[in-house]
Amino acid sequence: MEELTEEMGLVAEAIGAGLPETLEEAEQLVASIERAVQEETGHRVHDLSVEVGEDGILLKGRCNTYHCKQLAQHAAMGMPGGDHVINSIKVS
C-alpha cells in the first residue's frame, strides 16, 4: 500500500492538481487509477476500464456488490482529476 501511495504522489506531482496535458501523462494516470481501484477492491472489479478526459475520470467494469463499486469510486476520487468521477461499474 505504501508503494501505491508513493506512486500516486509522484503522478500527482508530475501532472499537478489538474488533468494530464500529454498522452503519456494520461496513460500514467490511467494505469495508476487502475492499480488503485484493483488494490482497494481486492481485484474484484472485472473488465476494468478507466478513461481520463476533460470531464474527469470514467470507471467501467463489473463487480458483485455495491460496496465494491463504492470502494472503486473512493480509490479513483483520491487521484488527480478525482473530484469528477463517473462510476459506470455495473453490479451484477
PDB file of N, CA and C in Angstrom:
ATOM      1  N   MET A   1       0.827  -1.181   0.000  1.00  0.00           N
ATOM      2  CA  MET A   1       0.000   0.000   0.000  1.00  0.00           C
ATOM      3  C   MET A   1       0.874   1.248   0.000  1.00  0.00           C
ATOM      4  N   GLU A   2       1.966   1.214   0.742  1.00  0.00           N
ATOM      5  CA  GLU A   2       2.875   2.349   0.811  1.00  0.00           C
ATOM      6  C   GLU A   2       3.451   2.655  -0.568  1.00  0.00           C
ATOM      7  N   GLU A   3       3.776   1.597  -1.327  1.00  0.00           N
ATOM      8  CA  GLU A   3       4.307   1.750  -2.676  1.00  0.00           C
ATOM      9  C   GLU A   3       3.291   2.457  -3.581  1.00  0.00           C
ATOM     10  N   LEU A   4       2.029   2.072  -3.484  1.00  0.00           N
ATOM     11  CA  LEU A   4       0.975   2.684  -4.288  1.00  0.00           C
ATOM     12  C   LEU A   4       0.792   4.146  -3.897  1.00  0.00           C
ATOM     13  N   THR A   5       0.823   4.449  -2.609  1.00  0.00           N
ATOM     14  CA  THR A   5       0.672   5.820  -2.145  1.00  0.00           C
ATOM     15  C   THR A   5       1.808   6.688  -2.669  1.00  0.00           C
ATOM     16  N   GLU A   6       3.011   6.159  -2.652  1.00  0.00           N
ATOM     17  CA  GLU A   6       4.162   6.892  -3.173  1.00  0.00           C
ATOM     18  C   GLU A   6       4.009   7.136  -4.673  1.00  0.00           C
ATOM     19  N   GLU A   7       3.571   6.119  -5.403  1.00  0.00           N
ATOM     20  CA  GLU A   7       3.360   6.253  -6.838  1.00  0.00           C
ATOM     21  C   GLU A   7       2.294   7.300  -7.134  1.00  0.00           C
ATOM     22  N   MET A   8       1.194   7.272  -6.372  1.00  0.00           N
ATOM     23  CA  MET A   8       0.132   8.256  -6.569  1.00  0.00           C
ATOM     24  C   MET A   8       0.681   9.663  -6.346  1.00  0.00           C
ATOM     25  N   GLY A   9       1.529   9.816  -5.359  1.00  0.00           N
ATOM     26  CA  GLY A   9       2.127  11.117  -5.089  1.00  0.00           C
ATOM     27  C   GLY A   9       3.008  11.587  -6.227  1.00  0.00           C
ATOM     28  N   LEU A  10       3.784  10.671  -6.802  1.00  0.00           N
ATOM     29  CA  LEU A  10       4.643  11.029  -7.928  1.00  0.00           C
ATOM     30  C   LEU A  10       3.826  11.421  -9.151  1.00  0.00           C
ATOM     31  N   VAL A  11       2.756  10.682  -9.420  1.00  0.00           N
ATOM     32  CA  VAL A  11       1.902  11.012 -10.561  1.00  0.00           C
ATOM     33  C   VAL A  11       1.254  12.368 -10.335  1.00  0.00           C
ATOM     34  N   ALA A  12       0.742  12.600  -9.139  1.00  0.00           N
ATOM     35  CA  ALA A  12       0.095  13.876  -8.834  1.00  0.00           C
ATOM     36  C   ALA A  12       1.088  15.028  -8.976  1.00  0.00           C
ATOM     37  N   GLU A  13       2.304  14.808  -8.522  1.00  0.00           N
ATOM     38  CA  GLU A  13       3.339  15.824  -8.629  1.00  0.00           C
ATOM     39  C   GLU A  13       3.669  16.104 -10.091  1.00  0.00           C
ATOM     40  N   ALA A  14       3.745  15.045 -10.888  1.00  0.00           N
ATOM     41  CA  ALA A  14       4.133  15.184 -12.287  1.00  0.00           C
ATOM     42  C   ALA A  14       3.098  15.946 -13.105  1.00  0.00           C
ATOM     43  N   ILE A  15       1.838  15.756 -12.769  1.00  0.00           N
ATOM     44  CA  ILE A  15       0.804  16.405 -13.590  1.00  0.00           C
ATOM     45  C   ILE A  15       0.105  17.544 -12.870  1.00  0.00           C
ATOM     46  N   GLY A  16       0.516  17.836 -11.667  1.00  0.00           N
ATOM     47  CA  GLY A  16      -0.123  18.920 -10.930  1.00  0.00           C
ATOM     48  C   GLY A  16      -1.476  18.490 -10.418  1.00  0.00           C
ATOM     49  N   ALA A  17      -2.263  19.442 -10.011  1.00  0.00           N
ATOM     50  CA  ALA A  17      -3.558  19.138  -9.410  1.00  0.00           C
ATOM     51  C   ALA A  17      -4.625  18.853 -10.459  1.00  0.00           C
ATOM     52  N   GLY A  18      -4.383  19.229 -11.717  1.00  0.00           N
ATOM     53  CA  GLY A  18      -5.395  19.065 -12.757  1.00  0.00           C
ATOM     54  C   GLY A  18      -5.243  17.775 -13.518  1.00  0.00           C
ATOM     55  N   LEU A  19      -5.931  17.730 -14.646  1.00  0.00           N
ATOM     56  CA  LEU A  19      -5.870  16.555 -15.502  1.00  0.00           C
ATOM     57  C   LEU A  19      -4.602  16.594 -16.350  1.00  0.00           C
ATOM     58  N   PRO A  20      -4.203  15.448 -16.900  1.00  0.00           N
ATOM     59  CA  PRO A  20      -2.963  15.378 -17.678  1.00  0.00           C
ATOM     60  C   PRO A  20      -3.021  16.234 -18.945  1.00  0.00           C
ATOM     61  N   GLU A  21      -1.850  16.712 -19.331  1.00  0.00           N
ATOM     62  CA  GLU A  21      -1.750  17.543 -20.522  1.00  0.00           C
ATOM     63  C   GLU A  21      -1.220  16.772 -21.715  1.00  0.00           C
ATOM     64  N   THR A  22      -0.533  15.654 -21.482  1.00  0.00           N
ATOM     65  CA  THR A  22       0.025  14.870 -22.590  1.00  0.00           C
ATOM     66  C   THR A  22      -0.536  13.457 -22.549  1.00  0.00           C
ATOM     67  N   LEU A  23      -0.405  12.763 -23.670  1.00  0.00           N
ATOM     68  CA  LEU A  23      -0.856  11.374 -23.758  1.00  0.00           C
ATOM     69  C   LEU A  23      -0.101  10.497 -22.768  1.00  0.00           C
ATOM     70  N   GLU A  24       1.180  10.723 -22.635  1.00  0.00           N
ATOM     71  CA  GLU A  24       1.994   9.932 -21.703  1.00  0.00           C
ATOM     72  C   GLU A  24       1.510  10.115 -20.261  1.00  0.00           C
ATOM     73  N   GLU A  25       1.226  11.357 -19.888  1.00  0.00           N
ATOM     74  CA  GLU A  25       0.720  11.620 -18.544  1.00  0.00           C
ATOM     75  C   GLU A  25      -0.646  10.976 -18.341  1.00  0.00           C
ATOM     76  N   ALA A  26      -1.489  11.022 -19.368  1.00  0.00           N
ATOM     77  CA  ALA A  26      -2.815  10.405 -19.279  1.00  0.00           C
ATOM     78  C   ALA A  26      -2.680   8.901 -19.102  1.00  0.00           C
ATOM     79  N   GLU A  27      -1.770   8.272 -19.846  1.00  0.00           N
ATOM     80  CA  GLU A  27      -1.562   6.831 -19.729  1.00  0.00           C
ATOM     81  C   GLU A  27      -1.049   6.465 -18.345  1.00  0.00           C
ATOM     82  N   GLN A  28      -0.156   7.282 -17.798  1.00  0.00           N
ATOM     83  CA  GLN A  28       0.353   7.036 -16.445  1.00  0.00           C
ATOM     84  C   GLN A  28      -0.761   7.162 -15.420  1.00  0.00           C
ATOM     85  N   LEU A  29      -1.602   8.168 -15.585  1.00  0.00           N
ATOM     86  CA  LEU A  29      -2.703   8.368 -14.657  1.00  0.00           C
ATOM     87  C   LEU A  29      -3.695   7.219 -14.732  1.00  0.00           C
ATOM     88  N   VAL A  30      -4.045   6.796 -15.947  1.00  0.00           N
ATOM     89  CA  VAL A  30      -4.970   5.667 -16.121  1.00  0.00           C
ATOM     90  C   VAL A  30      -4.413   4.417 -15.444  1.00  0.00           C
ATOM     91  N   ALA A  31      -3.137   4.128 -15.670  1.00  0.00           N
ATOM     92  CA  ALA A  31      -2.518   2.944 -15.059  1.00  0.00           C
ATOM     93  C   ALA A  31      -2.535   3.041 -13.533  1.00  0.00           C
ATOM     94  N   SER A  32      -2.282   4.222 -13.006  1.00  0.00           N
ATOM     95  CA  SER A  32      -2.291   4.414 -11.546  1.00  0.00           C
ATOM     96  C   SER A  32      -3.693   4.246 -10.976  1.00  0.00           C
ATOM     97  N   ILE A  33      -4.693   4.767 -11.680  1.00  0.00           N
ATOM     98  CA  ILE A  33      -6.072   4.624 -11.211  1.00  0.00           C
ATOM     99  C   ILE A  33      -6.486   3.162 -11.246  1.00  0.00           C
ATOM    100  N   GLU A  34      -6.133   2.459 -12.321  1.00  0.00           N
ATOM    101  CA  GLU A  34      -6.458   1.026 -12.412  1.00  0.00           C
ATOM    102  C   GLU A  34      -5.841   0.259 -11.248  1.00  0.00           C
ATOM    103  N   ARG A  35      -4.563   0.531 -10.963  1.00  0.00           N
ATOM    104  CA  ARG A  35      -3.902  -0.157  -9.840  1.00  0.00           C
ATOM    105  C   ARG A  35      -4.576   0.187  -8.518  1.00  0.00           C
ATOM    106  N   ALA A  36      -4.902   1.462  -8.315  1.00  0.00           N
ATOM    107  CA  ALA A  36      -5.531   1.882  -7.063  1.00  0.00           C
ATOM    108  C   ALA A  36      -6.889   1.212  -6.882  1.00  0.00           C
ATOM    109  N   VAL A  37      -7.685   1.174  -7.951  1.00  0.00           N
ATOM    110  CA  VAL A  37      -9.010   0.551  -7.877  1.00  0.00           C
ATOM    111  C   VAL A  37      -8.880  -0.938  -7.584  1.00  0.00           C
ATOM    112  N   GLN A  38      -7.995  -1.618  -8.287  1.00  0.00           N
ATOM    113  CA  GLN A  38      -7.860  -3.059  -8.080  1.00  0.00           C
ATOM    114  C   GLN A  38      -7.320  -3.374  -6.687  1.00  0.00           C
ATOM    115  N   GLU A  39      -6.394  -2.560  -6.218  1.00  0.00           N
ATOM    116  CA  GLU A  39      -5.866  -2.796  -4.868  1.00  0.00           C
ATOM    117  C   GLU A  39      -6.941  -2.535  -3.811  1.00  0.00           C
ATOM    118  N   GLU A  40      -7.671  -1.447  -3.962  1.00  0.00           N
ATOM    119  CA  GLU A  40      -8.711  -1.072  -2.991  1.00  0.00           C
ATOM    120  C   GLU A  40      -9.840  -2.102  -2.946  1.00  0.00           C
ATOM    121  N   THR A  41     -10.155  -2.698  -4.084  1.00  0.00           N
ATOM    122  CA  THR A  41     -11.273  -3.648  -4.157  1.00  0.00           C
ATOM    123  C   THR A  41     -10.832  -5.101  -4.052  1.00  0.00           C
ATOM    124  N   GLY A  42      -9.558  -5.339  -3.870  1.00  0.00           N
ATOM    125  CA  GLY A  42      -9.075  -6.719  -3.804  1.00  0.00           C
ATOM    126  C   GLY A  42      -9.232  -7.431  -5.149  1.00  0.00           C
ATOM    127  N   HIS A  43      -9.065  -6.694  -6.222  1.00  0.00           N
ATOM    128  CA  HIS A  43      -9.162  -7.217  -7.597  1.00  0.00           C
ATOM    129  C   HIS A  43     -10.543  -7.800  -7.890  1.00  0.00           C
ATOM    130  N   ARG A  44     -11.574  -7.215  -7.308  1.00  0.00           N
ATOM    131  CA  ARG A  44     -12.939  -7.710  -7.517  1.00  0.00           C
ATOM    132  C   ARG A  44     -13.693  -6.983  -8.619  1.00  0.00           C
ATOM    133  N   VAL A  45     -13.057  -5.992  -9.268  1.00  0.00           N
ATOM    134  CA  VAL A  45     -13.687  -5.340 -10.417  1.00  0.00           C
ATOM    135  C   VAL A  45     -13.167  -6.037 -11.668  1.00  0.00           C
ATOM    136  N   HIS A  46     -14.073  -6.640 -12.420  1.00  0.00           N
ATOM    137  CA  HIS A  46     -13.708  -7.380 -13.627  1.00  0.00           C
ATOM    138  C   HIS A  46     -13.882  -6.487 -14.845  1.00  0.00           C
ATOM    139  N   ASP A  47     -13.045  -6.722 -15.849  1.00  0.00           N
ATOM    140  CA  ASP A  47     -13.095  -5.940 -17.090  1.00  0.00           C
ATOM    141  C   ASP A  47     -13.004  -4.441 -16.814  1.00  0.00           C
ATOM    142  N   LEU A  48     -12.139  -4.069 -15.883  1.00  0.00           N
ATOM    143  CA  LEU A  48     -11.991  -2.667 -15.508  1.00  0.00           C
ATOM    144  C   LEU A  48     -11.435  -1.859 -16.669  1.00  0.00           C
ATOM    145  N   SER A  49     -12.074  -0.733 -16.915  1.00  0.00           N
ATOM    146  CA  SER A  49     -11.629   0.215 -17.927  1.00  0.00           C
ATOM    147  C   SER A  49     -11.693   1.601 -17.307  1.00  0.00           C
ATOM    148  N   VAL A  50     -10.622   2.358 -17.466  1.00  0.00           N
ATOM    149  CA  VAL A  50     -10.552   3.709 -16.922  1.00  0.00           C
ATOM    150  C   VAL A  50     -10.269   4.666 -18.076  1.00  0.00           C
ATOM    151  N   GLU A  51     -11.043   5.725 -18.149  1.00  0.00           N
ATOM    152  CA  GLU A  51     -10.814   6.766 -19.148  1.00  0.00           C
ATOM    153  C   GLU A  51     -10.659   8.088 -18.417  1.00  0.00           C
ATOM    154  N   VAL A  52      -9.703   8.881 -18.880  1.00  0.00           N
ATOM    155  CA  VAL A  52      -9.461  10.197 -18.297  1.00  0.00           C
ATOM    156  C   VAL A  52      -9.657  11.225 -19.401  1.00  0.00           C
ATOM    157  N   GLY A  53     -10.477  12.224 -19.129  1.00  0.00           N
ATOM    158  CA  GLY A  53     -10.731  13.266 -20.120  1.00  0.00           C
ATOM    159  C   GLY A  53     -11.059  14.577 -19.440  1.00  0.00           C
ATOM    160  N   GLU A  54     -11.493  15.519 -20.239  1.00  0.00           N
ATOM    161  CA  GLU A  54     -11.820  16.848 -19.723  1.00  0.00           C
ATOM    162  C   GLU A  54     -12.929  16.806 -18.681  1.00  0.00           C
ATOM    163  N   ASP A  55     -13.818  15.813 -18.788  1.00  0.00           N
ATOM    164  CA  ASP A  55     -14.935  15.695 -17.848  1.00  0.00           C
ATOM    165  C   ASP A  55     -14.537  14.996 -16.557  1.00  0.00           C
ATOM    166  N   GLY A  56     -13.326  14.465 -16.486  1.00  0.00           N
ATOM    167  CA  GLY A  56     -12.867  13.780 -15.289  1.00  0.00           C
ATOM    168  C   GLY A  56     -12.519  12.325 -15.571  1.00  0.00           C
ATOM    169  N   ILE A  57     -12.810  11.468 -14.617  1.00  0.00           N
ATOM    170  CA  ILE A  57     -12.457  10.053 -14.680  1.00  0.00           C
ATOM    171  C   ILE A  57     -13.720   9.231 -14.875  1.00  0.00           C
ATOM    172  N   LEU A  58     -13.686   8.329 -15.844  1.00  0.00           N
ATOM    173  CA  LEU A  58     -14.799   7.414 -16.103  1.00  0.00           C
ATOM    174  C   LEU A  58     -14.351   6.001 -15.764  1.00  0.00           C
ATOM    175  N   LEU A  59     -15.091   5.353 -14.865  1.00  0.00           N
ATOM    176  CA  LEU A  59     -14.819   3.963 -14.491  1.00  0.00           C
ATOM    177  C   LEU A  59     -15.860   3.065 -15.140  1.00  0.00           C
ATOM    178  N   LYS A  60     -15.396   1.985 -15.769  1.00  0.00           N
ATOM    179  CA  LYS A  60     -16.291   0.979 -16.327  1.00  0.00           C
ATOM    180  C   LYS A  60     -15.790  -0.386 -15.893  1.00  0.00           C
ATOM    181  N   GLY A  61     -16.698  -1.326 -15.830  1.00  0.00           N
ATOM    182  CA  GLY A  61     -16.361  -2.686 -15.441  1.00  0.00           C
ATOM    183  C   GLY A  61     -17.564  -3.315 -14.786  1.00  0.00           C
ATOM    184  N   ARG A  62     -17.309  -4.381 -14.039  1.00  0.00           N
ATOM    185  CA  ARG A  62     -18.400  -5.041 -13.337  1.00  0.00           C
ATOM    186  C   ARG A  62     -17.862  -5.654 -12.043  1.00  0.00           C
ATOM    187  N   CYS A  63     -18.742  -5.702 -11.061  1.00  0.00           N
ATOM    188  CA  CYS A  63     -18.393  -6.319  -9.782  1.00  0.00           C
ATOM    189  C   CYS A  63     -19.655  -6.919  -9.172  1.00  0.00           C
ATOM    190  N   ASN A  64     -19.512  -7.608  -8.054  1.00  0.00           N
ATOM    191  CA  ASN A  64     -20.628  -8.340  -7.464  1.00  0.00           C
ATOM    192  C   ASN A  64     -21.424  -7.563  -6.420  1.00  0.00           C
ATOM    193  N   THR A  65     -20.843  -6.483  -5.879  1.00  0.00           N
ATOM    194  CA  THR A  65     -21.540  -5.773  -4.807  1.00  0.00           C
ATOM    195  C   THR A  65     -21.440  -4.255  -4.992  1.00  0.00           C
ATOM    196  N   TYR A  66     -22.418  -3.558  -4.413  1.00  0.00           N
ATOM    197  CA  TYR A  66     -22.382  -2.102  -4.429  1.00  0.00           C
ATOM    198  C   TYR A  66     -21.246  -1.577  -3.564  1.00  0.00           C
ATOM    199  N   HIS A  67     -20.889  -2.325  -2.543  1.00  0.00           N
ATOM    200  CA  HIS A  67     -19.760  -1.936  -1.698  1.00  0.00           C
ATOM    201  C   HIS A  67     -18.473  -1.907  -2.518  1.00  0.00           C
ATOM    202  N   CYS A  68     -18.278  -2.909  -3.346  1.00  0.00           N
ATOM    203  CA  CYS A  68     -17.098  -2.966  -4.210  1.00  0.00           C
ATOM    204  C   CYS A  68     -17.099  -1.767  -5.169  1.00  0.00           C
ATOM    205  N   LYS A  69     -18.252  -1.463  -5.731  1.00  0.00           N
ATOM    206  CA  LYS A  69     -18.376  -0.312  -6.631  1.00  0.00           C
ATOM    207  C   LYS A  69     -18.006   0.971  -5.896  1.00  0.00           C
ATOM    208  N   GLN A  70     -18.465   1.096  -4.658  1.00  0.00           N
ATOM    209  CA  GLN A  70     -18.167   2.267  -3.841  1.00  0.00           C
ATOM    210  C   GLN A  70     -16.672   2.356  -3.536  1.00  0.00           C
ATOM    211  N   LEU A  71     -16.045   1.227  -3.242  1.00  0.00           N
ATOM    212  CA  LEU A  71     -14.605   1.217  -2.985  1.00  0.00           C
ATOM    213  C   LEU A  71     -13.828   1.662  -4.213  1.00  0.00           C
ATOM    214  N   ALA A  72     -14.275   1.218  -5.388  1.00  0.00           N
ATOM    215  CA  ALA A  72     -13.617   1.612  -6.637  1.00  0.00           C
ATOM    216  C   ALA A  72     -13.704   3.122  -6.825  1.00  0.00           C
ATOM    217  N   GLN A  73     -14.866   3.676  -6.578  1.00  0.00           N
ATOM    218  CA  GLN A  73     -15.048   5.117  -6.727  1.00  0.00           C
ATOM    219  C   GLN A  73     -14.179   5.869  -5.739  1.00  0.00           C
ATOM    220  N   HIS A  74     -14.127   5.396  -4.524  1.00  0.00           N
ATOM    221  CA  HIS A  74     -13.314   6.043  -3.490  1.00  0.00           C
ATOM    222  C   HIS A  74     -11.842   6.058  -3.901  1.00  0.00           C
ATOM    223  N   ALA A  75     -11.363   4.963  -4.460  1.00  0.00           N
ATOM    224  CA  ALA A  75      -9.966   4.891  -4.905  1.00  0.00           C
ATOM    225  C   ALA A  75      -9.708   5.910  -6.013  1.00  0.00           C
ATOM    226  N   ALA A  76     -10.626   6.021  -6.957  1.00  0.00           N
ATOM    227  CA  ALA A  76     -10.459   6.959  -8.069  1.00  0.00           C
ATOM    228  C   ALA A  76     -10.535   8.406  -7.586  1.00  0.00           C
ATOM    229  N   MET A  77     -11.354   8.659  -6.576  1.00  0.00           N
ATOM    230  CA  MET A  77     -11.509  10.021  -6.067  1.00  0.00           C
ATOM    231  C   MET A  77     -10.224  10.542  -5.427  1.00  0.00           C
ATOM    232  N   GLY A  78      -9.358   9.650  -5.010  1.00  0.00           N
ATOM    233  CA  GLY A  78      -8.096  10.053  -4.403  1.00  0.00           C
ATOM    234  C   GLY A  78      -7.020  10.395  -5.404  1.00  0.00           C
ATOM    235  N   MET A  79      -7.332  10.298  -6.687  1.00  0.00           N
ATOM    236  CA  MET A  79      -6.346  10.544  -7.742  1.00  0.00           C
ATOM    237  C   MET A  79      -6.554  11.935  -8.344  1.00  0.00           C
ATOM    238  N   PRO A  80      -5.533  12.457  -9.047  1.00  0.00           N
ATOM    239  CA  PRO A  80      -5.713  13.731  -9.741  1.00  0.00           C
ATOM    240  C   PRO A  80      -6.903  13.642 -10.696  1.00  0.00           C
ATOM    241  N   GLY A  81      -7.750  14.637 -10.689  1.00  0.00           N
ATOM    242  CA  GLY A  81      -8.956  14.625 -11.506  1.00  0.00           C
ATOM    243  C   GLY A  81     -10.100  13.904 -10.835  1.00  0.00           C
ATOM    244  N   GLY A  82      -9.849  13.361  -9.631  1.00  0.00           N
ATOM    245  CA  GLY A  82     -10.827  12.550  -8.922  1.00  0.00           C
ATOM    246  C   GLY A  82     -12.005  13.309  -8.347  1.00  0.00           C
ATOM    247  N   ASP A  83     -12.001  14.617  -8.475  1.00  0.00           N
ATOM    248  CA  ASP A  83     -13.149  15.370  -7.991  1.00  0.00           C
ATOM    249  C   ASP A  83     -14.307  15.249  -8.966  1.00  0.00           C
ATOM    250  N   HIS A  84     -14.065  14.659 -10.147  1.00  0.00           N
ATOM    251  CA  HIS A  84     -15.111  14.405 -11.134  1.00  0.00           C
ATOM    252  C   HIS A  84     -15.022  12.947 -11.583  1.00  0.00           C
ATOM    253  N   VAL A  85     -15.644  12.045 -10.842  1.00  0.00           N
ATOM    254  CA  VAL A  85     -15.618  10.618 -11.167  1.00  0.00           C
ATOM    255  C   VAL A  85     -17.013  10.187 -11.614  1.00  0.00           C
ATOM    256  N   ILE A  86     -17.067   9.549 -12.759  1.00  0.00           N
ATOM    257  CA  ILE A  86     -18.301   8.955 -13.246  1.00  0.00           C
ATOM    258  C   ILE A  86     -18.121   7.453 -13.086  1.00  0.00           C
ATOM    259  N   ASN A  87     -18.900   6.881 -12.193  1.00  0.00           N
ATOM    260  CA  ASN A  87     -18.755   5.460 -11.876  1.00  0.00           C
ATOM    261  C   ASN A  87     -19.819   4.668 -12.640  1.00  0.00           C
ATOM    262  N   SER A  88     -19.416   4.074 -13.761  1.00  0.00           N
ATOM    263  CA  SER A  88     -20.305   3.264 -14.582  1.00  0.00           C
ATOM    264  C   SER A  88     -20.047   1.774 -14.391  1.00  0.00           C
ATOM    265  N   ILE A  89     -19.480   1.405 -13.255  1.00  0.00           N
ATOM    266  CA  ILE A  89     -19.262  -0.010 -12.957  1.00  0.00           C
ATOM    267  C   ILE A  89     -20.617  -0.653 -12.699  1.00  0.00           C
ATOM    268  N   LYS A  90     -20.876  -1.751 -13.370  1.00  0.00           N
ATOM    269  CA  LYS A  90     -22.135  -2.477 -13.226  1.00  0.00           C
ATOM    270  C   LYS A  90     -22.043  -3.480 -12.075  1.00  0.00           C
ATOM    271  N   VAL A  91     -23.097  -3.556 -11.303  1.00  0.00           N
ATOM    272  CA  VAL A  91     -23.179  -4.531 -10.211  1.00  0.00           C
ATOM    273  C   VAL A  91     -24.111  -5.641 -10.664  1.00  0.00           C
ATOM    274  N   SER A  92     -23.604  -6.861 -10.649  1.00  0.00           N
ATOM    275  CA  SER A  92     -24.437  -7.987 -11.075  1.00  0.00           C
ATOM    276  C   SER A  92     -24.304  -9.166 -10.127  1.00  0.00           C
TER     277      SER A  92
END
